[in-house]
């Protein structure tokens, strides 16, 4: 499991000009992206994803319109889930 943390490099209003394209990118990766969240205050965002490797995650991120435009920088961390709340047990062992 991977946590992708985006930090915006431009004002949120500028980031939002690509929001629909970013949402389309999320939809195109719905098999890997489990959760998305906007940070409060709006200076970045978070993606919880599954994938085969950190390299595969970077390959996916390089397609994000926010990243392509230089509007965000990403940090990616890999985790091995060991416990999940009821209803999300399927995240274990992915």
N, C-alpha and C. Protein backbone atom coordinates (compact mmCIF):
# COMPACT_ATOMS: atom_id res chain seq x y z
N UNK A 1 0.84 -1.17 0.00
CA UNK A 1 0.00 0.00 0.00
C UNK A 1 0.89 1.23 0.00
N UNK A 2 0.42 2.26 -0.66
CA UNK A 2 1.22 3.47 -0.81
C UNK A 2 0.43 4.70 -0.38
N UNK A 3 1.13 5.63 0.24
CA UNK A 3 0.57 6.93 0.56
C UNK A 3 1.30 7.94 -0.32
N UNK A 4 0.53 8.63 -1.13
CA UNK A 4 1.08 9.65 -2.02
C UNK A 4 0.66 11.00 -1.46
N UNK A 5 1.63 11.80 -1.08
CA UNK A 5 1.35 13.11 -0.50
C UNK A 5 1.77 14.18 -1.49
N UNK A 6 0.81 14.99 -1.89
CA UNK A 6 1.07 16.07 -2.84
C UNK A 6 1.14 17.39 -2.09
N UNK A 7 2.09 18.20 -2.46
CA UNK A 7 2.19 19.57 -1.94
C UNK A 7 2.10 20.49 -3.14
N UNK A 8 1.16 21.43 -3.07
CA UNK A 8 0.98 22.36 -4.18
C UNK A 8 2.13 23.36 -4.22
N UNK A 9 2.57 23.67 -5.42
CA UNK A 9 3.67 24.62 -5.62
C UNK A 9 3.16 25.96 -6.13
N UNK A 10 1.84 26.03 -6.35
CA UNK A 10 1.19 27.26 -6.80
C UNK A 10 -0.07 27.45 -5.95
N UNK A 11 -0.68 28.62 -5.96
CA UNK A 11 -1.90 28.84 -5.18
C UNK A 11 -3.01 27.85 -5.56
N UNK A 12 -3.84 27.51 -4.58
CA UNK A 12 -4.92 26.55 -4.79
C UNK A 12 -5.84 26.95 -5.93
N UNK A 13 -6.07 28.24 -6.11
CA UNK A 13 -6.93 28.71 -7.20
C UNK A 13 -6.36 28.30 -8.56
N UNK A 14 -5.05 28.32 -8.68
CA UNK A 14 -4.41 27.91 -9.92
C UNK A 14 -4.50 26.40 -10.09
N UNK A 15 -4.29 25.66 -9.00
CA UNK A 15 -4.41 24.20 -9.03
C UNK A 15 -5.81 23.82 -9.51
N UNK A 16 -6.82 24.50 -9.00
CA UNK A 16 -8.20 24.16 -9.34
C UNK A 16 -8.53 24.34 -10.82
N UNK A 17 -7.71 25.07 -11.56
CA UNK A 17 -7.96 25.19 -13.01
C UNK A 17 -7.77 23.85 -13.71
N UNK A 18 -7.06 22.93 -13.07
CA UNK A 18 -6.85 21.59 -13.64
C UNK A 18 -7.61 20.51 -12.87
N UNK A 19 -8.55 20.91 -12.02
CA UNK A 19 -9.23 19.95 -11.16
C UNK A 19 -9.99 18.89 -11.95
N UNK A 20 -10.68 19.27 -13.01
CA UNK A 20 -11.44 18.28 -13.78
C UNK A 20 -10.51 17.27 -14.45
N UNK A 21 -9.38 17.73 -14.96
CA UNK A 21 -8.40 16.83 -15.57
C UNK A 21 -7.81 15.90 -14.50
N UNK A 22 -7.57 16.44 -13.31
CA UNK A 22 -7.05 15.63 -12.20
C UNK A 22 -8.06 14.55 -11.80
N UNK A 23 -9.34 14.92 -11.74
CA UNK A 23 -10.39 13.95 -11.41
C UNK A 23 -10.46 12.86 -12.48
N UNK A 24 -10.28 13.22 -13.73
CA UNK A 24 -10.27 12.22 -14.81
C UNK A 24 -9.10 11.27 -14.64
N UNK A 25 -7.94 11.80 -14.25
CA UNK A 25 -6.76 10.96 -13.99
C UNK A 25 -7.05 10.00 -12.84
N UNK A 26 -7.70 10.48 -11.78
CA UNK A 26 -8.08 9.60 -10.67
C UNK A 26 -8.99 8.50 -11.18
N UNK A 27 -9.99 8.86 -11.98
CA UNK A 27 -10.92 7.87 -12.54
C UNK A 27 -10.22 6.85 -13.41
N UNK A 28 -9.24 7.29 -14.17
CA UNK A 28 -8.50 6.37 -15.04
C UNK A 28 -7.65 5.40 -14.23
N UNK A 29 -7.39 5.72 -12.97
CA UNK A 29 -6.57 4.87 -12.10
C UNK A 29 -7.38 4.30 -10.94
N UNK A 30 -8.69 4.17 -11.13
CA UNK A 30 -9.57 3.72 -10.04
C UNK A 30 -9.25 2.32 -9.55
N UNK A 31 -8.56 1.53 -10.35
CA UNK A 31 -8.16 0.19 -9.90
C UNK A 31 -7.02 0.25 -8.89
N UNK A 32 -6.31 1.38 -8.83
CA UNK A 32 -5.18 1.53 -7.91
C UNK A 32 -5.44 2.55 -6.81
N UNK A 33 -6.22 3.59 -7.12
CA UNK A 33 -6.46 4.65 -6.14
C UNK A 33 -7.65 4.27 -5.26
N UNK A 34 -7.39 4.15 -3.96
CA UNK A 34 -8.41 3.73 -3.00
C UNK A 34 -9.11 4.90 -2.34
N UNK A 35 -8.41 6.01 -2.15
CA UNK A 35 -8.96 7.15 -1.43
C UNK A 35 -8.20 8.40 -1.84
N UNK A 36 -8.92 9.50 -1.95
CA UNK A 36 -8.26 10.80 -2.18
C UNK A 36 -8.78 11.77 -1.14
N UNK A 37 -7.95 12.74 -0.77
CA UNK A 37 -8.35 13.75 0.20
C UNK A 37 -7.61 15.05 -0.07
N UNK A 38 -8.33 16.15 0.12
CA UNK A 38 -7.70 17.47 0.00
C UNK A 38 -7.28 17.90 1.40
N UNK A 39 -6.11 18.46 1.49
CA UNK A 39 -5.57 18.89 2.77
C UNK A 39 -6.25 20.18 3.23
N UNK A 40 -6.40 20.33 4.54
CA UNK A 40 -6.94 21.56 5.13
C UNK A 40 -5.86 22.19 6.00
N UNK A 41 -5.48 23.42 5.75
CA UNK A 41 -5.91 24.27 4.64
C UNK A 41 -5.42 23.68 3.32
N UNK A 42 -5.96 24.17 2.22
CA UNK A 42 -5.73 23.58 0.91
C UNK A 42 -4.34 23.94 0.37
N UNK A 43 -3.37 23.14 0.82
CA UNK A 43 -1.98 23.31 0.37
C UNK A 43 -1.46 22.04 -0.28
N UNK A 44 -2.34 21.03 -0.41
CA UNK A 44 -1.92 19.78 -0.99
C UNK A 44 -3.03 18.75 -0.88
N UNK A 45 -2.64 17.50 -1.07
CA UNK A 45 -3.60 16.42 -1.00
C UNK A 45 -2.94 15.10 -0.69
N UNK A 46 -3.77 14.09 -0.51
CA UNK A 46 -3.30 12.76 -0.14
C UNK A 46 -4.03 11.73 -0.99
N UNK A 47 -3.30 10.72 -1.40
CA UNK A 47 -3.88 9.59 -2.13
C UNK A 47 -3.42 8.31 -1.45
N UNK A 48 -4.37 7.43 -1.17
CA UNK A 48 -4.07 6.09 -0.68
C UNK A 48 -4.22 5.17 -1.89
N UNK A 49 -3.16 4.43 -2.21
CA UNK A 49 -3.19 3.62 -3.44
C UNK A 49 -2.57 2.26 -3.20
N UNK A 50 -2.90 1.35 -4.09
CA UNK A 50 -2.25 0.04 -4.08
C UNK A 50 -1.58 -0.15 -5.42
N UNK A 51 -0.49 -0.90 -5.39
CA UNK A 51 0.23 -1.14 -6.62
C UNK A 51 1.35 -2.11 -6.39
N UNK A 52 1.99 -2.48 -7.46
CA UNK A 52 3.02 -3.51 -7.39
C UNK A 52 4.37 -2.99 -6.92
N UNK A 53 4.63 -1.70 -7.10
CA UNK A 53 5.94 -1.17 -6.69
C UNK A 53 5.90 0.35 -6.59
N UNK A 54 6.88 0.89 -5.91
CA UNK A 54 6.99 2.34 -5.81
C UNK A 54 7.26 2.94 -7.19
N UNK A 55 8.00 2.21 -8.02
CA UNK A 55 8.25 2.68 -9.39
C UNK A 55 6.93 2.81 -10.17
N UNK A 56 6.03 1.85 -9.97
CA UNK A 56 4.72 1.92 -10.63
C UNK A 56 3.93 3.12 -10.14
N UNK A 57 4.06 3.44 -8.85
CA UNK A 57 3.37 4.61 -8.31
C UNK A 57 3.93 5.90 -8.92
N UNK A 58 5.25 5.97 -9.05
CA UNK A 58 5.85 7.16 -9.68
C UNK A 58 5.43 7.28 -11.13
N UNK A 59 5.32 6.15 -11.82
CA UNK A 59 4.86 6.17 -13.21
C UNK A 59 3.45 6.74 -13.29
N UNK A 60 2.58 6.34 -12.36
CA UNK A 60 1.21 6.84 -12.32
C UNK A 60 1.21 8.35 -12.01
N UNK A 61 1.98 8.77 -11.03
CA UNK A 61 2.03 10.18 -10.63
C UNK A 61 2.51 11.06 -11.77
N UNK A 62 3.44 10.58 -12.55
CA UNK A 62 3.96 11.39 -13.66
C UNK A 62 2.89 11.71 -14.70
N UNK A 63 1.75 11.05 -14.62
CA UNK A 63 0.63 11.31 -15.53
C UNK A 63 -0.40 12.29 -14.94
N UNK A 64 -0.29 12.60 -13.64
CA UNK A 64 -1.24 13.49 -12.97
C UNK A 64 -1.12 14.90 -13.56
N UNK A 65 -2.21 15.46 -14.06
CA UNK A 65 -2.14 16.81 -14.63
C UNK A 65 -1.55 17.85 -13.67
N UNK A 66 -1.81 17.74 -12.38
CA UNK A 66 -1.22 18.67 -11.42
C UNK A 66 0.31 18.57 -11.46
N UNK A 67 0.80 17.36 -11.52
CA UNK A 67 2.25 17.13 -11.54
C UNK A 67 2.85 17.54 -12.89
N UNK A 68 2.18 17.17 -13.96
CA UNK A 68 2.65 17.50 -15.31
C UNK A 68 2.81 19.01 -15.47
N UNK A 69 1.86 19.77 -14.94
CA UNK A 69 1.89 21.23 -15.05
C UNK A 69 2.86 21.88 -14.07
N UNK A 70 3.42 21.08 -13.17
CA UNK A 70 4.33 21.63 -12.16
C UNK A 70 3.59 22.28 -11.01
N UNK A 71 2.31 21.96 -10.85
CA UNK A 71 1.51 22.54 -9.78
C UNK A 71 1.63 21.78 -8.47
N UNK A 72 2.22 20.59 -8.50
CA UNK A 72 2.37 19.81 -7.27
C UNK A 72 3.66 19.00 -7.31
N UNK A 73 4.15 18.75 -6.12
CA UNK A 73 5.28 17.84 -5.91
C UNK A 73 4.76 16.69 -5.07
N UNK A 74 5.24 15.50 -5.34
CA UNK A 74 4.76 14.32 -4.61
C UNK A 74 5.88 13.71 -3.76
N UNK A 75 5.44 13.14 -2.66
CA UNK A 75 6.27 12.24 -1.86
C UNK A 75 5.47 10.94 -1.80
N UNK A 76 6.14 9.82 -2.00
CA UNK A 76 5.46 8.53 -1.98
C UNK A 76 6.11 7.66 -0.92
N UNK A 77 5.28 7.08 -0.08
CA UNK A 77 5.76 6.16 0.96
C UNK A 77 5.01 4.84 0.85
N UNK A 78 5.73 3.76 1.10
CA UNK A 78 5.14 2.43 1.04
C UNK A 78 4.89 1.90 2.45
N UNK A 79 3.74 1.25 2.63
CA UNK A 79 3.36 0.69 3.93
C UNK A 79 2.86 -0.73 3.74
N UNK A 80 3.01 -1.55 4.78
CA UNK A 80 2.49 -2.91 4.80
C UNK A 80 1.37 -2.95 5.83
N UNK A 81 0.10 -2.89 5.40
CA UNK A 81 -1.01 -2.86 6.36
C UNK A 81 -1.03 -4.12 7.23
N UNK A 82 -1.30 -3.92 8.52
CA UNK A 82 -1.36 -5.05 9.45
C UNK A 82 -2.70 -5.13 10.18
N UNK A 83 -3.47 -4.07 10.18
CA UNK A 83 -4.78 -4.07 10.81
C UNK A 83 -5.67 -3.10 10.06
N UNK A 84 -6.94 -3.45 9.94
CA UNK A 84 -7.90 -2.58 9.26
C UNK A 84 -9.22 -2.57 10.03
N UNK A 85 -9.90 -1.46 10.01
CA UNK A 85 -11.22 -1.36 10.64
C UNK A 85 -12.22 -2.23 9.89
N UNK A 86 -13.28 -2.60 10.60
CA UNK A 86 -14.33 -3.40 9.99
C UNK A 86 -14.86 -2.70 8.74
N UNK A 87 -14.96 -3.46 7.68
CA UNK A 87 -15.46 -2.92 6.44
C UNK A 87 -14.36 -2.62 5.42
N UNK A 88 -13.13 -2.50 5.89
CA UNK A 88 -12.02 -2.24 4.96
C UNK A 88 -10.92 -3.31 5.09
N UNK A 89 -11.30 -4.48 5.57
CA UNK A 89 -10.34 -5.55 5.74
C UNK A 89 -9.67 -5.95 4.43
N UNK A 90 -10.32 -5.72 3.32
CA UNK A 90 -9.78 -6.06 2.02
C UNK A 90 -8.47 -5.34 1.71
N UNK A 91 -8.17 -4.29 2.46
CA UNK A 91 -6.92 -3.56 2.25
C UNK A 91 -5.72 -4.34 2.77
N UNK A 92 -5.95 -5.27 3.67
CA UNK A 92 -4.84 -6.07 4.21
C UNK A 92 -4.30 -7.01 3.17
N UNK A 93 -3.01 -7.11 3.12
CA UNK A 93 -2.38 -8.05 2.21
C UNK A 93 -2.39 -7.64 0.76
N UNK A 94 -2.66 -6.36 0.45
CA UNK A 94 -2.67 -5.92 -0.94
C UNK A 94 -1.30 -5.42 -1.31
